[in-house]
Amino acid sequence: MTTEKKVILEVKELSVHFKIKDTKSLLFPKHQTLKAVNNVSFNLYEGETLGIVGESGCGKSTLARAIIGLVESSKGNILWLGKELTEQNAKEWKAVRNDIQMIFQDPLASLNPRMTIGNIIAEPLKIYQPHLSKEEVKEKVRAMMMKVGLLPNLINRYPHEFSGGQCQRIGIARALIVEPKLIICDEPVSALDVSIQAQVVNLLKSLQKEMKLSLIFIAHDLAVVKHISDRVLVMYLGNAVELGSYEQVYHHTKHPYTKALMSAVPIPDPKLERNKQIQLLEGDLPSPINPPSGCVFRTRCPLADQHCIADKPILKGLNNHLVACFQAK
């Protein structure tokens, strides 16, 4: 299906490394390198949703922020509609951000408490479409509020007067007001109640279809990602370890890490849930400052051997189902 679609975003061997001070040496502090994202590559197709999953600290949010230019990449390429983004200046980024918008994890923290929600939603229009009159801006804001399920008569209220789910709808309205082509959703439902999560995910799916959007949906909840995604990228310690359609990743899982994640997903049937085998991972997540040699997952993998210690597997496979594992079958 995806091979016939247009590629709108290409990420090629992208790395994001941060220099941090070694606090052990107070007199002559040394700088260490924290490898938040390491050689990650993927394509995003027009109109599709790519889910990115992994446990906390795996680099999901850093990857998203690098794509939109909120953090600087260390190496690699980001191509938006064929145009290189890693070398953009501030003026060029302004044009790109009209096409790429972001929805943040904490809905209330992402909204200015001193601004009315009308002004919050209108702010991107004032930045990217300054030619619009005040009446045109107000009309667009009211129309967008209706689209995301907010009553237009709430336009002069402040963020603290709304629930978490309503605040996230405000954030969605702010992101969509300039009619972008791509929305990056950075764990948009993780801070919400389960019932509200479903409402927000269904709203995103509905708006995607209506506005012909592409989505990058970041989450650690695999059930949510399955509900919304066309393809899924699994990350571990800053590295991409598995990539495929949601059917391939969820029902024909290949990487041992992905299998462990899948085994932790609750099953609605109580009998099946009681009898299922959970694959527990031994040990803690290694430090991104000093990652293991070879395969980054080898310290927690039950299948690791000498090959995994000596060499690092690359993401490869057949039928667009890619896996970075020597033991994958």
C-alpha atoms as a PDB file:
ATOM      1  CA  MET A   1       0.000   0.000   0.000  1.00  0.00           C
ATOM      2  CA  THR A   2       2.655   2.526   1.072  1.00  0.00           C
ATOM      3  CA  THR A   3       4.915   1.873  -1.948  1.00  0.00           C
ATOM      4  CA  GLU A   4       2.369   3.635  -4.205  1.00  0.00           C
ATOM      5  CA  LYS A   5       2.196   6.701  -2.000  1.00  0.00           C
ATOM      6  CA  LYS A   6       4.303   9.830  -2.085  1.00  0.00           C
ATOM      7  CA  VAL A   7       7.166  10.089   0.405  1.00  0.00           C
ATOM      8  CA  ILE A   8       6.884  13.444   2.186  1.00  0.00           C
ATOM      9  CA  LEU A   9       9.493  12.969   4.938  1.00  0.00           C
ATOM     10  CA  GLU A  10      12.802  11.099   4.765  1.00  0.00           C
ATOM     11  CA  VAL A  11      14.996  10.627   7.824  1.00  0.00           C
ATOM     12  CA  LYS A  12      18.419   9.219   6.939  1.00  0.00           C
ATOM     13  CA  GLU A  13      20.879   7.963   9.579  1.00  0.00           C
ATOM     14  CA  LEU A  14      19.852  10.750  11.961  1.00  0.00           C
ATOM     15  CA  SER A  15      21.797  11.107  15.203  1.00  0.00           C
ATOM     16  CA  VAL A  16      21.283  13.526  18.086  1.00  0.00           C
ATOM     17  CA  HIS A  17      24.132  13.625  20.603  1.00  0.00           C
ATOM     18  CA  PHE A  18      24.468  15.943  23.595  1.00  0.00           C
ATOM     19  CA  LYS A  19      27.684  16.997  25.314  1.00  0.00           C
ATOM     20  CA  ILE A  20      27.386  16.777  29.100  1.00  0.00           C
ATOM     21  CA  LYS A  21      29.859  17.400  31.917  1.00  0.00           C
ATOM     22  CA  ASP A  22      31.282  14.529  33.948  1.00  0.00           C
ATOM     23  CA  THR A  23      30.387  15.540  37.520  1.00  0.00           C
ATOM     24  CA  LYS A  24      32.887  13.083  39.031  1.00  0.00           C
ATOM     25  CA  SER A  25      35.765  15.410  38.225  1.00  0.00           C
ATOM     26  CA  LEU A  26      35.135  18.820  39.826  1.00  0.00           C
ATOM     27  CA  LEU A  27      38.510  20.450  39.157  1.00  0.00           C
ATOM     28  CA  PHE A  28      38.929  19.376  35.546  1.00  0.00           C
ATOM     29  CA  PRO A  29      35.489  18.299  34.328  1.00  0.00           C
ATOM     30  CA  LYS A  30      35.450  16.217  31.170  1.00  0.00           C
ATOM     31  CA  HIS A  31      32.708  16.247  28.593  1.00  0.00           C
ATOM     32  CA  GLN A  32      30.883  13.048  27.765  1.00  0.00           C
ATOM     33  CA  THR A  33      28.570  12.291  24.861  1.00  0.00           C
ATOM     34  CA  LEU A  34      24.972  11.278  25.499  1.00  0.00           C
ATOM     35  CA  LYS A  35      23.689   9.440  22.422  1.00  0.00           C
ATOM     36  CA  ALA A  36      19.969  10.231  22.527  1.00  0.00           C
ATOM     37  CA  VAL A  37      19.280   9.181  18.921  1.00  0.00           C
ATOM     38  CA  ASN A  38      21.657   7.016  16.924  1.00  0.00           C
ATOM     39  CA  ASN A  39      21.549   6.458  13.134  1.00  0.00           C
ATOM     40  CA  VAL A  40      17.751   6.299  12.809  1.00  0.00           C
ATOM     41  CA  SER A  41      16.277   6.066   9.299  1.00  0.00           C
ATOM     42  CA  PHE A  42      12.678   5.910   8.060  1.00  0.00           C
ATOM     43  CA  ASN A  43      10.282   7.362   5.490  1.00  0.00           C
ATOM     44  CA  LEU A  44       6.848   8.859   6.066  1.00  0.00           C
ATOM     45  CA  TYR A  45       4.253   8.621   3.321  1.00  0.00           C
ATOM     46  CA  GLU A  46       1.516  11.081   2.467  1.00  0.00           C
ATOM     47  CA  GLY A  47      -1.630  10.474   4.506  1.00  0.00           C
ATOM     48  CA  GLU A  48      -0.178   7.736   6.736  1.00  0.00           C
ATOM     49  CA  THR A  49       0.355   7.495  10.473  1.00  0.00           C
ATOM     50  CA  LEU A  50       3.723   6.262  11.718  1.00  0.00           C
ATOM     51  CA  GLY A  51       3.662   5.146  15.348  1.00  0.00           C
ATOM     52  CA  ILE A  52       6.919   5.369  17.311  1.00  0.00           C
ATOM     53  CA  VAL A  53       7.094   3.246  20.465  1.00  0.00           C
ATOM     54  CA  GLY A  54       9.615   2.322  23.126  1.00  0.00           C
ATOM     55  CA  GLU A  55      10.164   2.646  26.859  1.00  0.00           C
ATOM     56  CA  SER A  56      11.006   5.979  28.527  1.00  0.00           C
ATOM     57  CA  GLY A  57      14.430   7.296  27.576  1.00  0.00           C
ATOM     58  CA  CYS A  58      14.641   5.504  24.224  1.00  0.00           C
ATOM     59  CA  GLY A  59      14.844   8.755  22.218  1.00  0.00           C
ATOM     60  CA  LYS A  60      11.306   9.020  20.810  1.00  0.00           C
ATOM     61  CA  SER A  61      10.686  12.633  21.822  1.00  0.00           C
ATOM     62  CA  THR A  62      14.227  13.740  20.939  1.00  0.00           C
ATOM     63  CA  LEU A  63      13.760  12.283  17.456  1.00  0.00           C
ATOM     64  CA  ALA A  64      10.490  14.213  17.062  1.00  0.00           C
ATOM     65  CA  ARG A  65      12.066  17.458  18.258  1.00  0.00           C
ATOM     66  CA  ALA A  66      14.976  17.012  15.854  1.00  0.00           C
ATOM     67  CA  ILE A  67      12.581  16.584  12.920  1.00  0.00           C
ATOM     68  CA  ILE A  68      10.834  19.874  13.700  1.00  0.00           C
ATOM     69  CA  GLY A  69      14.095  21.688  14.530  1.00  0.00           C
ATOM     70  CA  LEU A  70      13.625  22.135  18.281  1.00  0.00           C
ATOM     71  CA  VAL A  71      16.917  20.305  18.921  1.00  0.00           C
ATOM     72  CA  GLU A  72      19.948  20.260  16.647  1.00  0.00           C
ATOM     73  CA  SER A  73      20.917  17.015  14.941  1.00  0.00           C
ATOM     74  CA  SER A  74      24.524  15.805  15.181  1.00  0.00           C
ATOM     75  CA  LYS A  75      24.585  14.042  11.823  1.00  0.00           C
ATOM     76  CA  GLY A  76      22.298  12.610   9.187  1.00  0.00           C
ATOM     77  CA  ASN A  77      19.653  14.086   6.920  1.00  0.00           C
ATOM     78  CA  ILE A  78      16.022  15.152   7.248  1.00  0.00           C
ATOM     79  CA  LEU A  79      14.286  15.737   3.913  1.00  0.00           C
ATOM     80  CA  TRP A  80      10.863  17.393   3.846  1.00  0.00           C
ATOM     81  CA  LEU A  81       9.288  17.174   0.376  1.00  0.00           C
ATOM     82  CA  GLY A  82      12.810  16.613  -0.943  1.00  0.00           C
ATOM     83  CA  LYS A  83      14.277  19.669   0.808  1.00  0.00           C
ATOM     84  CA  GLU A  84      17.078  19.278   3.372  1.00  0.00           C
ATOM     85  CA  LEU A  85      16.058  20.597   6.811  1.00  0.00           C
ATOM     86  CA  THR A  86      19.253  20.123   8.840  1.00  0.00           C
ATOM     87  CA  GLU A  87      20.917  23.135   7.185  1.00  0.00           C
ATOM     88  CA  GLN A  88      17.954  25.529   7.395  1.00  0.00           C
ATOM     89  CA  ASN A  89      18.269  29.021   8.850  1.00  0.00           C
ATOM     90  CA  ALA A  90      15.569  30.599  11.047  1.00  0.00           C
ATOM     91  CA  LYS A  91      13.750  32.208   8.116  1.00  0.00           C
ATOM     92  CA  GLU A  92      13.619  28.939   6.170  1.00  0.00           C
ATOM     93  CA  TRP A  93      12.411  27.031   9.256  1.00  0.00           C
ATOM     94  CA  LYS A  94       9.517  29.475   9.588  1.00  0.00           C
ATOM     95  CA  ALA A  95       8.230  28.416   6.167  1.00  0.00           C
ATOM     96  CA  VAL A  96       8.632  24.714   7.004  1.00  0.00           C
ATOM     97  CA  ARG A  97       6.773  25.003  10.321  1.00  0.00           C
ATOM     98  CA  ASN A  98       3.698  26.172   8.462  1.00  0.00           C
ATOM     99  CA  ASP A  99       3.644  22.605   7.070  1.00  0.00           C
ATOM    100  CA  ILE A 100       4.853  20.724  10.183  1.00  0.00           C
ATOM    101  CA  GLN A 101       3.221  21.301  13.562  1.00  0.00           C
ATOM    102  CA  MET A 102       3.519  19.541  16.927  1.00  0.00           C
ATOM    103  CA  ILE A 103       1.154  18.460  19.713  1.00  0.00           C
ATOM    104  CA  PHE A 104       2.899  18.201  23.072  1.00  0.00           C
ATOM    105  CA  GLN A 105       2.641  15.663  25.890  1.00  0.00           C
ATOM    106  CA  ASP A 106       1.411  17.825  28.777  1.00  0.00           C
ATOM    107  CA  PRO A 107      -1.652  19.690  27.492  1.00  0.00           C
ATOM    108  CA  LEU A 108      -1.848  22.313  30.244  1.00  0.00           C
ATOM    109  CA  ALA A 109       1.906  23.008  30.414  1.00  0.00           C
ATOM    110  CA  SER A 110       2.014  23.619  26.650  1.00  0.00           C
ATOM    111  CA  LEU A 111      -0.530  26.469  26.878  1.00  0.00           C
ATOM    112  CA  ASN A 112       0.280  30.009  28.029  1.00  0.00           C
ATOM    113  CA  PRO A 113      -1.787  30.555  31.220  1.00  0.00           C
ATOM    114  CA  ARG A 114      -1.962  34.327  30.588  1.00  0.00           C
ATOM    115  CA  MET A 115      -3.554  34.000  27.156  1.00  0.00           C
ATOM    116  CA  THR A 116      -7.174  33.244  26.324  1.00  0.00           C
ATOM    117  CA  ILE A 117      -7.681  30.083  24.312  1.00  0.00           C
ATOM    118  CA  GLY A 118      -8.783  32.227  21.377  1.00  0.00           C
ATOM    119  CA  ASN A 119      -5.412  33.980  21.340  1.00  0.00           C
ATOM    120  CA  ILE A 120      -3.564  30.677  21.877  1.00  0.00           C
ATOM    121  CA  ILE A 121      -5.226  29.056  18.863  1.00  0.00           C
ATOM    122  CA  ALA A 122      -4.814  32.228  16.781  1.00  0.00           C
ATOM    123  CA  GLU A 123      -1.090  32.660  17.518  1.00  0.00           C
ATOM    124  CA  PRO A 124       0.187  30.460  14.626  1.00  0.00           C
ATOM    125  CA  LEU A 125      -2.048  32.383  12.198  1.00  0.00           C
ATOM    126  CA  LYS A 126      -0.532  35.685  13.343  1.00  0.00           C
ATOM    127  CA  ILE A 127       2.980  34.275  12.823  1.00  0.00           C
ATOM    128  CA  TYR A 128       2.566  32.363   9.554  1.00  0.00           C
ATOM    129  CA  GLN A 129      -0.361  34.197   7.922  1.00  0.00           C
ATOM    130  CA  PRO A 130       0.013  37.851   9.031  1.00  0.00           C
ATOM    131  CA  HIS A 131      -1.999  39.115   6.045  1.00  0.00           C
ATOM    132  CA  LEU A 132      -5.272  37.926   7.620  1.00  0.00           C
ATOM    133  CA  SER A 133      -7.545  40.528   9.205  1.00  0.00           C
ATOM    134  CA  LYS A 134      -8.682  40.263  12.835  1.00  0.00           C
ATOM    135  CA  GLU A 135     -12.140  39.169  11.736  1.00  0.00           C
ATOM    136  CA  GLU A 136     -10.725  36.480   9.429  1.00  0.00           C
ATOM    137  CA  VAL A 137      -8.518  35.178  12.246  1.00  0.00           C
ATOM    138  CA  LYS A 138     -11.444  35.104  14.682  1.00  0.00           C
ATOM    139  CA  GLU A 139     -13.626  33.300  12.139  1.00  0.00           C
ATOM    140  CA  LYS A 140     -10.933  30.649  11.528  1.00  0.00           C
ATOM    141  CA  VAL A 141     -10.425  30.170  15.275  1.00  0.00           C
ATOM    142  CA  ARG A 142     -14.148  29.652  15.891  1.00  0.00           C
ATOM    143  CA  ALA A 143     -14.374  27.171  12.996  1.00  0.00           C
ATOM    144  CA  MET A 144     -11.374  25.209  14.300  1.00  0.00           C
ATOM    145  CA  MET A 145     -12.813  25.128  17.825  1.00  0.00           C
ATOM    146  CA  MET A 146     -15.957  23.536  16.400  1.00  0.00           C
ATOM    147  CA  LYS A 147     -13.852  20.957  14.532  1.00  0.00           C
ATOM    148  CA  VAL A 148     -12.072  19.795  17.678  1.00  0.00           C
ATOM    149  CA  GLY A 149     -15.239  19.694  19.780  1.00  0.00           C
ATOM    150  CA  LEU A 150     -14.963  22.996  21.679  1.00  0.00           C
ATOM    151  CA  LEU A 151     -17.827  25.488  21.887  1.00  0.00           C
ATOM    152  CA  PRO A 152     -16.933  28.821  20.204  1.00  0.00           C
ATOM    153  CA  ASN A 153     -18.462  30.773  23.117  1.00  0.00           C
ATOM    154  CA  LEU A 154     -15.493  29.581  25.256  1.00  0.00           C
ATOM    155  CA  ILE A 155     -13.080  31.613  23.129  1.00  0.00           C
ATOM    156  CA  ASN A 156     -12.313  34.179  25.865  1.00  0.00           C
ATOM    157  CA  ARG A 157     -11.635  31.695  28.663  1.00  0.00           C
ATOM    158  CA  TYR A 158      -8.218  30.712  30.040  1.00  0.00           C
ATOM    159  CA  PRO A 159      -6.495  27.279  30.057  1.00  0.00           C
ATOM    160  CA  HIS A 160      -6.947  26.669  33.796  1.00  0.00           C
ATOM    161  CA  GLU A 161     -10.721  26.661  33.295  1.00  0.00           C
ATOM    162  CA  PHE A 162     -10.547  23.497  31.167  1.00  0.00           C
ATOM    163  CA  SER A 163      -9.981  19.793  31.850  1.00  0.00           C
ATOM    164  CA  GLY A 164      -6.914  17.924  30.588  1.00  0.00           C
ATOM    165  CA  GLY A 165      -8.814  16.508  27.622  1.00  0.00           C
ATOM    166  CA  GLN A 166     -10.162  19.940  26.681  1.00  0.00           C
ATOM    167  CA  CYS A 167      -6.668  21.460  26.977  1.00  0.00           C
ATOM    168  CA  GLN A 168      -5.361  18.820  24.577  1.00  0.00           C
ATOM    169  CA  ARG A 169      -8.160  19.728  22.144  1.00  0.00           C
ATOM    170  CA  ILE A 170      -6.963  23.340  22.388  1.00  0.00           C
ATOM    171  CA  GLY A 171      -3.425  22.145  21.586  1.00  0.00           C
ATOM    172  CA  ILE A 172      -4.746  20.175  18.607  1.00  0.00           C
ATOM    173  CA  ALA A 173      -6.677  23.222  17.366  1.00  0.00           C
ATOM    174  CA  ARG A 174      -3.538  25.376  17.660  1.00  0.00           C
ATOM    175  CA  ALA A 175      -1.533  22.839  15.629  1.00  0.00           C
ATOM    176  CA  LEU A 176      -4.174  22.481  12.898  1.00  0.00           C
ATOM    177  CA  ILE A 177      -5.152  26.146  12.496  1.00  0.00           C
ATOM    178  CA  VAL A 178      -2.514  26.773   9.779  1.00  0.00           C
ATOM    179  CA  GLU A 179      -3.612  23.622   7.887  1.00  0.00           C
ATOM    180  CA  PRO A 180      -0.264  21.778   8.045  1.00  0.00           C
ATOM    181  CA  LYS A 181       0.614  18.638   6.104  1.00  0.00           C
ATOM    182  CA  LEU A 182       2.255  16.807   9.030  1.00  0.00           C
ATOM    183  CA  ILE A 183       1.415  16.701  12.734  1.00  0.00           C
ATOM    184  CA  ILE A 184       3.964  15.278  15.180  1.00  0.00           C
ATOM    185  CA  CYS A 185       2.085  13.998  18.236  1.00  0.00           C
ATOM    186  CA  ASP A 186       4.491  13.632  21.174  1.00  0.00           C
ATOM    187  CA  GLU A 187       2.666  11.318  23.602  1.00  0.00           C
ATOM    188  CA  PRO A 188      -0.530  13.403  23.274  1.00  0.00           C
ATOM    189  CA  VAL A 189      -2.680  11.099  25.429  1.00  0.00           C
ATOM    190  CA  SER A 190      -0.266   9.798  28.090  1.00  0.00           C
ATOM    191  CA  ALA A 191      -1.337  12.451  30.645  1.00  0.00           C
ATOM    192  CA  LEU A 192      -5.068  11.815  30.114  1.00  0.00           C
ATOM    193  CA  ASP A 193      -7.594   9.381  31.605  1.00  0.00           C
ATOM    194  CA  VAL A 194      -8.231   6.222  29.556  1.00  0.00           C
ATOM    195  CA  SER A 195     -11.743   7.293  28.491  1.00  0.00           C
ATOM    196  CA  ILE A 196     -10.424  10.689  27.369  1.00  0.00           C
ATOM    197  CA  GLN A 197      -7.505   9.017  25.555  1.00  0.00           C
ATOM    198  CA  ALA A 198      -9.941   7.196  23.265  1.00  0.00           C
ATOM    199  CA  GLN A 199     -11.796  10.435  22.502  1.00  0.00           C
ATOM    200  CA  VAL A 200      -8.585  12.282  21.581  1.00  0.00           C
ATOM    201  CA  VAL A 201      -7.254   9.409  19.431  1.00  0.00           C
ATOM    202  CA  ASN A 202     -10.577   9.127  17.582  1.00  0.00           C
ATOM    203  CA  LEU A 203     -10.593  12.903  17.091  1.00  0.00           C
ATOM    204  CA  LEU A 204      -7.098  12.758  15.559  1.00  0.00           C
ATOM    205  CA  LYS A 205      -8.150   9.943  13.214  1.00  0.00           C
ATOM    206  CA  SER A 206     -11.241  11.878  12.138  1.00  0.00           C
ATOM    207  CA  LEU A 207      -9.306  15.110  11.543  1.00  0.00           C
ATOM    208  CA  GLN A 208      -6.583  13.220   9.667  1.00  0.00           C
ATOM    209  CA  LYS A 209      -9.146  11.872   7.225  1.00  0.00           C
ATOM    210  CA  GLU A 210     -10.933  15.211   6.878  1.00  0.00           C
ATOM    211  CA  MET A 211      -7.793  17.353   6.443  1.00  0.00           C
ATOM    212  CA  LYS A 212      -5.641  14.725   4.645  1.00  0.00           C
ATOM    213  CA  LEU A 213      -2.912  14.860   7.291  1.00  0.00           C
ATOM    214  CA  SER A 214       0.144  12.718   7.872  1.00  0.00           C
ATOM    215  CA  LEU A 215       0.890  11.871  11.514  1.00  0.00           C
ATOM    216  CA  ILE A 216       3.891  10.794  13.550  1.00  0.00           C
ATOM    217  CA  PHE A 217       2.335   9.405  16.725  1.00  0.00           C
ATOM    218  CA  ILE A 218       4.697   8.835  19.666  1.00  0.00           C
ATOM    219  CA  ALA A 219       3.548   6.755  22.633  1.00  0.00           C
ATOM    220  CA  HIS A 220       4.591   4.074  25.074  1.00  0.00           C
ATOM    221  CA  ASP A 221       1.091   2.554  25.114  1.00  0.00           C
ATOM    222  CA  LEU A 222       1.143  -0.125  22.413  1.00  0.00           C
ATOM    223  CA  ALA A 223      -2.651  -0.525  22.411  1.00  0.00           C
ATOM    224  CA  VAL A 224      -3.110   3.159  21.517  1.00  0.00           C
ATOM    225  CA  VAL A 225      -0.447   2.987  18.799  1.00  0.00           C
ATOM    226  CA  LYS A 226      -2.090  -0.087  17.255  1.00  0.00           C
ATOM    227  CA  HIS A 227      -5.433   1.729  17.093  1.00  0.00           C
ATOM    228  CA  ILE A 228      -4.120   4.694  15.107  1.00  0.00           C
ATOM    229  CA  SER A 229      -0.985   3.600  13.190  1.00  0.00           C
ATOM    230  CA  ASP A 230      -0.423   2.317   9.658  1.00  0.00           C
ATOM    231  CA  ARG A 231       3.227   1.491  10.365  1.00  0.00           C
ATOM    232  CA  VAL A 232       5.188   1.196  13.614  1.00  0.00           C
ATOM    233  CA  LEU A 233       8.812   2.030  14.464  1.00  0.00           C
ATOM    234  CA  VAL A 234      10.188   0.457  17.657  1.00  0.00           C
ATOM    235  CA  MET A 235      13.096   2.234  19.377  1.00  0.00           C
ATOM    236  CA  TYR A 236      15.508   1.077  22.067  1.00  0.00           C
ATOM    237  CA  LEU A 237      18.306   3.185  23.585  1.00  0.00           C
ATOM    238  CA  GLY A 238      18.204   5.697  20.726  1.00  0.00           C
ATOM    239  CA  ASN A 239      18.244   3.025  17.998  1.00  0.00           C
ATOM    240  CA  ALA A 240      15.547   1.766  15.633  1.00  0.00           C
ATOM    241  CA  VAL A 241      15.181  -1.988  16.224  1.00  0.00           C
ATOM    242  CA  GLU A 242      12.049  -2.875  14.229  1.00  0.00           C
ATOM    243  CA  LEU A 243       9.945  -1.188  11.541  1.00  0.00           C
ATOM    244  CA  GLY A 244       6.931  -2.492   9.662  1.00  0.00           C
ATOM    245  CA  SER A 245       3.195  -2.276   9.183  1.00  0.00           C
ATOM    246  CA  TYR A 246       1.157  -2.520  12.387  1.00  0.00           C
ATOM    247  CA  GLU A 247       0.083  -6.004  11.231  1.00  0.00           C
ATOM    248  CA  GLN A 248       3.721  -7.124  10.851  1.00  0.00           C
ATOM    249  CA  VAL A 249       4.961  -5.585  14.097  1.00  0.00           C
ATOM    250  CA  TYR A 250       1.996  -6.683  16.247  1.00  0.00           C
ATOM    251  CA  HIS A 251       1.200 -10.096  14.783  1.00  0.00           C
ATOM    252  CA  HIS A 252       4.512 -11.220  13.244  1.00  0.00           C
ATOM    253  CA  THR A 253       6.918  -9.694  15.760  1.00  0.00           C
ATOM    254  CA  LYS A 254      10.598 -10.470  15.130  1.00  0.00           C
ATOM    255  CA  HIS A 255      12.802  -8.486  17.515  1.00  0.00           C
ATOM    256  CA  PRO A 256      13.165  -9.879  21.090  1.00  0.00           C
ATOM    257  CA  TYR A 257      12.626  -6.393  22.555  1.00  0.00           C
ATOM    258  CA  THR A 258       9.401  -5.897  20.602  1.00  0.00           C
ATOM    259  CA  LYS A 259       8.229  -9.356  21.707  1.00  0.00           C
ATOM    260  CA  ALA A 260       8.804  -8.373  25.344  1.00  0.00           C
ATOM    261  CA  LEU A 261       6.819  -5.149  24.850  1.00  0.00           C
ATOM    262  CA  MET A 262       3.960  -7.024  23.184  1.00  0.00           C
ATOM    263  CA  SER A 263       3.784  -9.587  25.986  1.00  0.00           C
ATOM    264  CA  ALA A 264       3.111  -6.765  28.462  1.00  0.00           C
ATOM    265  CA  VAL A 265       0.041  -5.483  26.577  1.00  0.00           C
ATOM    266  CA  PRO A 266      -3.154  -6.450  28.497  1.00  0.00           C
ATOM    267  CA  ILE A 267      -5.598  -8.800  26.743  1.00  0.00           C
ATOM    268  CA  PRO A 268      -9.325  -7.954  27.202  1.00  0.00           C
ATOM    269  CA  ASP A 269     -10.204 -11.639  27.704  1.00  0.00           C
ATOM    270  CA  PRO A 270      -9.542 -12.477  31.430  1.00  0.00           C
ATOM    271  CA  LYS A 271      -8.877 -16.160  30.691  1.00  0.00           C
ATOM    272  CA  LEU A 272      -6.286 -15.406  28.016  1.00  0.00           C
ATOM    273  CA  GLU A 273      -4.753 -12.689  30.195  1.00  0.00           C
ATOM    274  CA  ARG A 274      -4.267 -15.123  33.108  1.00  0.00           C
ATOM    275  CA  ASN A 275      -2.659 -17.787  30.928  1.00  0.00           C
ATOM    276  CA  LYS A 276      -0.387 -15.644  28.778  1.00  0.00           C
ATOM    277  CA  GLN A 277       3.376 -15.688  29.260  1.00  0.00           C
ATOM    278  CA  ILE A 278       5.025 -12.340  29.962  1.00  0.00           C
ATOM    279  CA  GLN A 279       8.605 -12.059  28.745  1.00  0.00           C
ATOM    280  CA  LEU A 280      10.397 -10.209  31.523  1.00  0.00           C
ATOM    281  CA  LEU A 281      13.535  -8.294  30.579  1.00  0.00           C
ATOM    282  CA  GLU A 282      16.461  -8.712  32.950  1.00  0.00           C
ATOM    283  CA  GLY A 283      18.510  -5.750  34.115  1.00  0.00           C
ATOM    284  CA  ASP A 284      18.035  -2.030  33.620  1.00  0.00           C
ATOM    285  CA  LEU A 285      18.178   0.127  30.528  1.00  0.00           C
ATOM    286  CA  PRO A 286      21.896   0.843  29.856  1.00  0.00           C
ATOM    287  CA  SER A 287      23.164   4.411  29.926  1.00  0.00           C
ATOM    288  CA  PRO A 288      23.038   6.287  26.598  1.00  0.00           C
ATOM    289  CA  ILE A 289      26.381   7.815  27.650  1.00  0.00           C
ATOM    290  CA  ASN A 290      28.046   4.402  27.622  1.00  0.00           C
ATOM    291  CA  PRO A 291      25.914   2.067  25.465  1.00  0.00           C
ATOM    292  CA  PRO A 292      26.890  -1.614  25.067  1.00  0.00           C
ATOM    293  CA  SER A 293      29.175  -2.694  22.245  1.00  0.00           C
ATOM    294  CA  GLY A 294      27.598  -4.514  19.327  1.00  0.00           C
ATOM    295  CA  CYS A 295      23.836  -4.843  19.660  1.00  0.00           C
ATOM    296  CA  VAL A 296      22.500  -2.269  22.139  1.00  0.00           C
ATOM    297  CA  PHE A 297      19.902  -4.759  23.406  1.00  0.00           C
ATOM    298  CA  ARG A 298      22.337  -7.630  24.068  1.00  0.00           C
ATOM    299  CA  THR A 299      22.676  -6.932  27.835  1.00  0.00           C
ATOM    300  CA  ARG A 300      18.971  -7.714  28.331  1.00  0.00           C
ATOM    301  CA  CYS A 301      18.388 -10.189  25.514  1.00  0.00           C
ATOM    302  CA  PRO A 302      17.923 -13.925  26.296  1.00  0.00           C
ATOM    303  CA  LEU A 303      19.170 -14.843  22.791  1.00  0.00           C
ATOM    304  CA  ALA A 304      22.417 -12.828  22.772  1.00  0.00           C
ATOM    305  CA  ASP A 305      25.643 -14.576  21.716  1.00  0.00           C
ATOM    306  CA  GLN A 306      29.215 -13.613  20.758  1.00  0.00           C
ATOM    307  CA  HIS A 307      28.047 -12.276  17.396  1.00  0.00           C
ATOM    308  CA  CYS A 308      25.792  -9.787  19.195  1.00  0.00           C
ATOM    309  CA  ILE A 309      28.724  -8.615  21.356  1.00  0.00           C
ATOM    310  CA  ALA A 310      31.138  -8.170  18.458  1.00  0.00           C
ATOM    311  CA  ASP A 311      28.923  -6.608  15.770  1.00  0.00           C
ATOM    312  CA  LYS A 312      26.031  -4.185  15.611  1.00  0.00           C
ATOM    313  CA  PRO A 313      23.052  -5.399  13.538  1.00  0.00           C
ATOM    314  CA  ILE A 314      21.574  -3.068  10.931  1.00  0.00           C
ATOM    315  CA  LEU A 315      17.890  -2.593  10.169  1.00  0.00           C
ATOM    316  CA  LYS A 316      17.061  -4.920   7.266  1.00  0.00           C
ATOM    317  CA  GLY A 317      14.438  -7.404   6.120  1.00  0.00           C
ATOM    318  CA  LEU A 318      11.875  -8.378   3.497  1.00  0.00           C
ATOM    319  CA  ASN A 319       8.459  -7.028   2.475  1.00  0.00           C
ATOM    320  CA  ASN A 320       9.106  -3.707   4.249  1.00  0.00           C
ATOM    321  CA  HIS A 321       9.378  -5.491   7.628  1.00  0.00           C
ATOM    322  CA  LEU A 322      12.789  -4.431   8.917  1.00  0.00           C
ATOM    323  CA  VAL A 323      14.517  -5.690  12.063  1.00  0.00           C
ATOM    324  CA  ALA A 324      17.942  -5.047  13.616  1.00  0.00           C
ATOM    325  CA  CYS A 325      18.695  -8.474  15.080  1.00  0.00           C
ATOM    326  CA  PHE A 326      21.020 -11.365  14.216  1.00  0.00           C
ATOM    327  CA  GLN A 327      18.674 -13.829  15.946  1.00  0.00           C
ATOM    328  CA  ALA A 328      15.447 -12.745  14.223  1.00  0.00           C
ATOM    329  CA  LYS A 329      13.697 -15.491  12.265  1.00  0.00           C
END
